Structures are given as structure tokens and as C-alpha cells.
Amino acid sequence: MSAGWLSIVGLGPGDAALVTPEVTAALAEASDVIGYFPYVARVAPREGLTLHGSDNRVELDRARLALELAAKGARVVVVSSGDPGVFAMASAVFEALEAAPKEWRDLDIRVLPGITAMLAASARAGAPLGHDFCAINLSDNLKPWALIEKRLRLAVEADFAMAFYNPRSKARPEGFARVLNTLRDVCEPERLILFARAVSTPEEELRVVPLAEATPEMADMRTMVIVGSSRTRLIARKGNPLLYTPRSVPEGTA
């Protein structure tokens, strides 16, 4: 078996200080780094390192390349933003592995976690994910809109706080408007929503508004949207307010 290895890593939300030491060590040992162009651009070039940037819709192609290089003896790092297991490349690599030659299953493959966008956004705002919550990818590229709407409605019924990934792209600007309309069908207008854009970068912006005041233009693909539960609270103070969801639910609540 080849001495190559494959690490699937998360680069965190943007700030280099939020990249874990484990990921930094893997990048220092890598011979090849593979990923979406903007994420590969976050890795400093050096002698002996080949950077393989590619478009955002070729995840399986990236995964197959990574496996092929590792099988030939390369030390391969596949990069994602945030955490590689949350709407990112880890799942794509394993999907490709399942269809690949069986001997590739014996490769040294590791998933190295990173700080997710939803956790970074939550920390910046306070603790809106302080109780039960769920994460939903709002892109309908790989699943139908009807399933997204069903999951939204059921999450509201269960009174989860919700973290939304990929809320509004240039290719489908109408999608987030549909999400807000769905929420307005089933939520009270006072439900608090956090729009956290480009968290941990110089372009960071935080905004908390009630559902009644939320508009589609408040989100783009660099925005993490967190919708509070019915119990999520806002503490006013000087500077940015603190958004949090209490740790407990009154007995008898259903």
C-alpha cells in the first residue's frame, strides 16, 4: 500500500488565528492541497507544495483527484472553510471513496475538524445556539426546495434555533425570500434573526432583527443566518447587544 495519506481539513471561518494547530501541521507536511479556489488561496505557497484550485461545483472531481494522488504516494490535504464535515468536502471524499477501487479504502484518511461558520457567528453574537438547534443548507442544488421547506416547518414546530448555510446566491436570489415567507407562515413576527456576515474577517458585520423586519437583501453567500427559537432573548447594552437562547425549557412545555 502507498505511503501517501489524505487529510480532509477545515480552515475555520476566515481568521488565520482560528485554524487549529492540527490543521496547520497537516498543511506543513502536505505535498498537494486541493479545494475550491478561494479556500486554496488561503494556503501559503511554498517549495514542494502543489496547489490544486477548482470551481465550487466539482466536489466529486476534487475528491477523486485527492484519492488518486494519495494512492500514488502523495501527502494530500483537501481544504474546506469552517469544518470539513459540515456541508463541505468530507462527505464528498467518502462518496468518491465508496465508488473507487476497493484497495483505496485502506488509505490513511483523516478528517481534521475546524471551527464552523455557525459556531463562529454564534460566539460573536453571544449564545443563540445555547439550547437545541439544527443546521440547514438552503441551497437547492442537491436537494429539492420542497424538502427544504418541510425541514424548515418541522424545525420551527420542534422549536429549534436554526443555523442557515448558503442563504442567498446570485444564481438563486429568490430562495431566501421563500425561506422568509415560510418562516412568517409559522413563526411570530418578533422571532429574532441574526445576520452574521464574513465573521472573523475585516468585513465582519452583525445585525439582529425581528422576523418582521428581515429582508432577503440582508443575506448573501458570506452570511450565516441564525434564527432563534421562541425563547431566544436579546440583552441590550452599550455596543452590540447579546443574543442568547436559555439553557432550560419550563416543565410542561411541548
Protein backbone atom coordinates (compact mmCIF):
# COMPACT_ATOMS: atom_id res chain seq x y z
CA MET A 1 0.00 0.00 0.00
CA SER A 2 1.13 3.52 -0.77
CA ALA A 3 2.71 5.57 2.00
CA GLY A 4 0.58 8.50 0.92
CA TRP A 5 -2.13 9.95 3.09
CA LEU A 6 -5.19 12.15 2.81
CA SER A 7 -6.37 14.71 5.37
CA ILE A 8 -9.69 16.49 4.93
CA VAL A 9 -9.45 19.71 6.92
CA GLY A 10 -11.39 22.77 7.94
CA LEU A 11 -9.78 26.20 7.67
CA GLY A 12 -12.28 27.85 10.00
CA PRO A 13 -14.38 30.93 9.24
CA GLY A 14 -11.62 33.20 7.94
CA ASP A 15 -9.18 34.44 10.58
CA ALA A 16 -5.89 32.54 10.49
CA ALA A 17 -5.90 32.55 14.31
CA LEU A 18 -8.94 30.24 14.19
CA VAL A 19 -7.18 27.50 12.20
CA THR A 20 -6.40 24.63 14.58
CA PRO A 21 -2.77 23.58 15.23
CA GLU A 22 -3.65 20.10 13.94
CA VAL A 23 -4.70 21.54 10.56
CA THR A 24 -1.65 23.81 10.42
CA ALA A 25 0.61 20.78 10.97
CA ALA A 26 -1.08 18.81 8.19
CA LEU A 27 -0.66 21.70 5.76
CA ALA A 28 3.03 21.97 6.66
CA GLU A 29 3.56 18.31 5.73
CA ALA A 30 1.40 18.28 2.57
CA SER A 31 2.71 17.80 -0.94
CA ASP A 32 -0.66 18.69 -2.50
CA VAL A 33 -3.56 20.91 -1.40
CA ILE A 34 -6.90 20.54 -3.15
CA GLY A 35 -10.05 22.66 -2.85
CA TYR A 36 -12.29 25.45 -4.03
CA PHE A 37 -10.25 28.38 -5.42
CA PRO A 38 -10.86 30.85 -2.52
CA TYR A 39 -10.01 28.24 0.12
CA VAL A 40 -6.84 27.08 -1.62
CA ALA A 41 -5.83 30.76 -1.87
CA ARG A 42 -5.71 30.85 1.94
CA VAL A 43 -2.80 28.38 1.90
CA ALA A 44 0.63 29.99 1.52
CA PRO A 45 2.65 28.68 -1.44
CA ARG A 46 5.99 27.04 -0.67
CA GLU A 47 8.56 24.88 -2.39
CA GLY A 48 7.41 21.28 -2.75
CA LEU A 49 3.72 22.12 -2.46
CA THR A 50 1.31 21.92 -5.40
CA LEU A 51 -1.96 23.85 -5.09
CA HIS A 52 -4.96 22.47 -6.98
CA GLY A 53 -7.78 25.05 -7.03
CA SER A 54 -11.07 24.30 -8.78
CA ASP A 55 -14.63 25.54 -9.19
CA ASN A 56 -17.27 25.19 -6.50
CA ARG A 57 -19.44 22.62 -8.30
CA VAL A 58 -16.84 19.91 -8.90
CA GLU A 59 -16.63 18.44 -5.42
CA LEU A 60 -16.56 14.82 -6.60
CA ASP A 61 -13.84 15.60 -9.15
CA ARG A 62 -11.76 17.14 -6.37
CA ALA A 63 -12.38 14.13 -4.16
CA ARG A 64 -11.36 11.64 -6.86
CA LEU A 65 -8.17 13.61 -7.56
CA ALA A 66 -7.29 13.64 -3.87
CA LEU A 67 -7.76 9.89 -3.56
CA GLU A 68 -5.80 9.20 -6.74
CA LEU A 69 -2.85 11.33 -5.61
CA ALA A 70 -2.82 9.77 -2.14
CA ALA A 71 -2.92 6.29 -3.69
CA LYS A 72 0.21 7.24 -5.67
CA GLY A 73 2.05 8.26 -2.51
CA ALA A 74 1.25 11.98 -2.21
CA ARG A 75 0.54 13.71 1.08
CA VAL A 76 -2.78 15.32 0.27
CA VAL A 77 -4.82 17.90 2.14
CA VAL A 78 -8.35 18.69 0.98
CA VAL A 79 -9.41 22.08 2.34
CA SER A 80 -12.85 23.41 3.20
CA SER A 81 -13.86 26.53 5.05
CA GLY A 82 -15.33 26.06 8.52
CA ASP A 83 -15.48 22.35 9.37
CA PRO A 84 -14.96 19.77 6.59
CA GLY A 85 -17.83 17.62 7.85
CA VAL A 86 -20.48 20.36 7.80
CA PHE A 87 -21.80 20.90 4.24
CA ALA A 88 -18.24 20.52 2.97
CA MET A 89 -15.70 18.14 1.45
CA ALA A 90 -15.55 15.22 3.90
CA SER A 91 -18.82 13.75 2.67
CA ALA A 92 -17.77 14.20 -0.97
CA VAL A 93 -14.49 12.36 -0.37
CA PHE A 94 -16.26 9.41 1.23
CA GLU A 95 -18.83 9.34 -1.56
CA ALA A 96 -15.97 9.14 -4.07
CA LEU A 97 -14.18 6.55 -1.95
CA GLU A 98 -17.22 4.28 -1.91
CA ALA A 99 -17.19 4.19 -5.73
CA ALA A 100 -13.39 3.96 -6.05
CA PRO A 101 -11.17 0.85 -6.27
CA LYS A 102 -11.58 -1.11 -3.04
CA GLU A 103 -7.87 -1.04 -2.26
CA TRP A 104 -8.14 2.74 -1.79
CA ARG A 105 -10.23 2.12 1.33
CA ASP A 106 -7.01 1.17 3.10
CA LEU A 107 -5.50 4.63 2.58
CA ASP A 108 -4.62 6.68 5.64
CA ILE A 109 -7.60 9.09 5.58
CA ARG A 110 -8.27 11.54 8.40
CA VAL A 111 -10.84 14.27 8.97
CA LEU A 112 -9.45 17.22 10.93
CA PRO A 113 -12.19 19.44 12.37
CA GLY A 114 -12.41 23.20 12.08
CA ILE A 115 -14.45 25.98 13.64
CA THR A 116 -17.72 26.17 11.74
CA ALA A 117 -19.28 29.39 10.47
CA MET A 118 -22.34 28.82 12.65
CA LEU A 119 -20.27 28.44 15.82
CA ALA A 120 -18.13 31.48 15.00
CA ALA A 121 -21.24 33.56 14.28
CA SER A 122 -22.96 32.34 17.43
CA ALA A 123 -19.94 33.22 19.54
CA ARG A 124 -19.71 36.71 18.08
CA ALA A 125 -23.36 37.40 18.90
CA GLY A 126 -23.50 35.69 22.29
CA ALA A 127 -25.06 32.22 22.51
CA PRO A 128 -28.08 31.91 20.18
CA LEU A 129 -27.31 28.18 19.82
CA GLY A 130 -27.27 27.75 23.60
CA HIS A 131 -30.03 25.12 23.57
CA ASP A 132 -31.22 22.58 20.99
CA PHE A 133 -30.57 23.69 17.42
CA CYS A 134 -30.26 22.42 13.87
CA ALA A 135 -28.32 23.44 10.75
CA ILE A 136 -29.96 23.61 7.31
CA ASN A 137 -28.28 24.19 3.97
CA LEU A 138 -30.66 26.43 1.98
CA SER A 139 -29.11 25.58 -1.39
CA ASP A 140 -31.39 23.55 -3.62
CA ASN A 141 -28.54 22.44 -5.90
CA LEU A 142 -28.50 18.92 -4.43
CA LYS A 143 -31.97 18.63 -2.91
CA PRO A 144 -35.45 19.85 -3.88
CA TRP A 145 -36.98 23.01 -2.48
CA ALA A 146 -39.92 21.00 -1.13
CA LEU A 147 -37.58 19.16 1.22
CA ILE A 148 -36.01 22.42 2.43
CA GLU A 149 -39.46 23.84 3.18
CA LYS A 150 -40.51 20.66 5.00
CA ARG A 151 -37.41 20.77 7.20
CA LEU A 152 -37.95 24.45 7.96
CA ARG A 153 -41.52 23.89 9.07
CA LEU A 154 -40.65 20.85 11.20
CA ALA A 155 -37.72 22.65 12.82
CA VAL A 156 -40.00 25.54 13.78
CA GLU A 157 -42.60 23.10 15.09
CA ALA A 158 -39.92 21.49 17.27
CA ASP A 159 -38.84 24.99 18.37
CA PHE A 160 -35.20 24.59 17.38
CA ALA A 161 -32.92 27.52 16.87
CA MET A 162 -31.78 27.21 13.24
CA ALA A 163 -28.49 27.99 11.52
CA PHE A 164 -28.80 28.56 7.78
CA TYR A 165 -25.91 27.92 5.40
CA ASN A 166 -25.80 29.24 1.81
CA PRO A 167 -28.83 31.51 2.22
CA ARG A 168 -28.78 33.63 -0.93
CA SER A 169 -26.65 33.31 -4.05
CA LYS A 170 -26.56 35.38 -7.22
CA ALA A 171 -27.81 32.35 -9.15
CA ARG A 172 -30.88 31.90 -6.91
CA PRO A 173 -31.62 35.21 -5.18
CA GLU A 174 -35.29 34.29 -4.78
CA GLY A 175 -34.60 31.33 -2.50
CA PHE A 176 -34.09 33.26 0.73
CA ALA A 177 -37.25 35.30 0.10
CA ARG A 178 -39.12 31.99 0.02
CA VAL A 179 -37.47 30.99 3.28
CA LEU A 180 -38.57 34.20 4.99
CA ASN A 181 -42.12 33.73 3.68
CA THR A 182 -42.17 30.19 5.03
CA LEU A 183 -40.95 31.39 8.43
CA ARG A 184 -43.60 34.10 8.51
CA ASP A 185 -46.25 31.45 7.96
CA VAL A 186 -45.26 29.57 11.10
CA CYS A 187 -43.36 31.97 13.39
CA GLU A 188 -44.34 35.00 15.41
CA PRO A 189 -43.13 38.31 13.86
CA GLU A 190 -40.95 39.00 16.93
CA ARG A 191 -38.77 35.91 16.31
CA LEU A 192 -35.14 37.11 16.44
CA ILE A 193 -32.80 36.59 13.49
CA LEU A 194 -29.04 37.09 13.40
CA PHE A 195 -27.37 38.02 10.13
CA ALA A 196 -23.63 37.46 10.61
CA ARG A 197 -21.59 38.30 7.53
CA ALA A 198 -17.90 37.47 6.99
CA VAL A 199 -17.34 36.62 10.64
CA SER A 200 -13.71 36.89 11.82
CA THR A 201 -12.65 38.90 8.74
CA PRO A 202 -12.21 42.68 8.35
CA GLU A 203 -15.59 42.77 6.54
CA GLU A 204 -17.47 41.32 9.52
CA GLU A 205 -20.99 42.68 10.06
CA LEU A 206 -23.55 41.60 12.66
CA ARG A 207 -27.20 42.53 12.63
CA VAL A 208 -30.08 41.24 14.79
CA VAL A 209 -33.64 41.97 13.67
CA PRO A 210 -37.10 40.56 14.33
CA LEU A 211 -38.54 38.36 11.60
CA ALA A 212 -40.99 41.11 10.64
CA GLU A 213 -38.08 43.38 9.64
CA ALA A 214 -35.91 40.78 7.88
CA THR A 215 -35.42 41.20 4.13
CA PRO A 216 -33.76 38.93 1.55
CA GLU A 217 -31.08 41.54 0.84
CA MET A 218 -29.70 41.16 4.38
CA ALA A 219 -28.09 37.85 3.39
CA ASP A 220 -25.59 36.67 0.79
CA MET A 221 -23.31 33.65 0.47
CA ARG A 222 -20.88 35.07 3.05
CA THR A 223 -23.69 35.40 5.61
CA MET A 224 -24.57 32.94 8.32
CA VAL A 225 -28.21 33.34 9.30
CA ILE A 226 -29.28 32.13 12.75
CA VAL A 227 -32.98 32.11 13.59
CA GLY A 228 -33.68 31.92 17.29
CA SER A 229 -36.17 29.64 18.97
CA SER A 230 -39.31 31.09 20.54
CA ARG A 231 -37.29 31.55 23.75
CA THR A 232 -34.23 33.32 22.29
CA ARG A 233 -33.57 36.64 24.03
CA LEU A 234 -31.70 39.87 23.33
CA ILE A 235 -29.82 41.72 26.09
CA ALA A 236 -29.46 45.41 25.29
CA ARG A 237 -26.22 47.11 26.40
CA LYS A 238 -23.67 49.62 25.17
CA GLY A 239 -22.27 48.45 21.84
CA ASN A 240 -23.51 45.23 20.30
CA PRO A 241 -26.38 43.54 22.16
CA LEU A 242 -26.06 39.94 23.33
CA LEU A 243 -28.26 37.30 21.73
CA TYR A 244 -28.78 34.06 23.60
CA THR A 245 -31.09 31.07 23.95
CA PRO A 246 -31.70 29.96 27.57
CA ARG A 247 -30.36 26.57 28.60
CA SER A 248 -33.65 25.37 30.07
CA VAL A 249 -37.25 24.97 28.98
CA PRO A 250 -40.10 25.22 31.50
CA GLU A 251 -41.56 21.87 32.54
CA GLY A 252 -44.75 21.11 30.66
CA THR A 253 -43.62 22.90 27.50
CA ALA A 254 -44.37 20.79 24.42
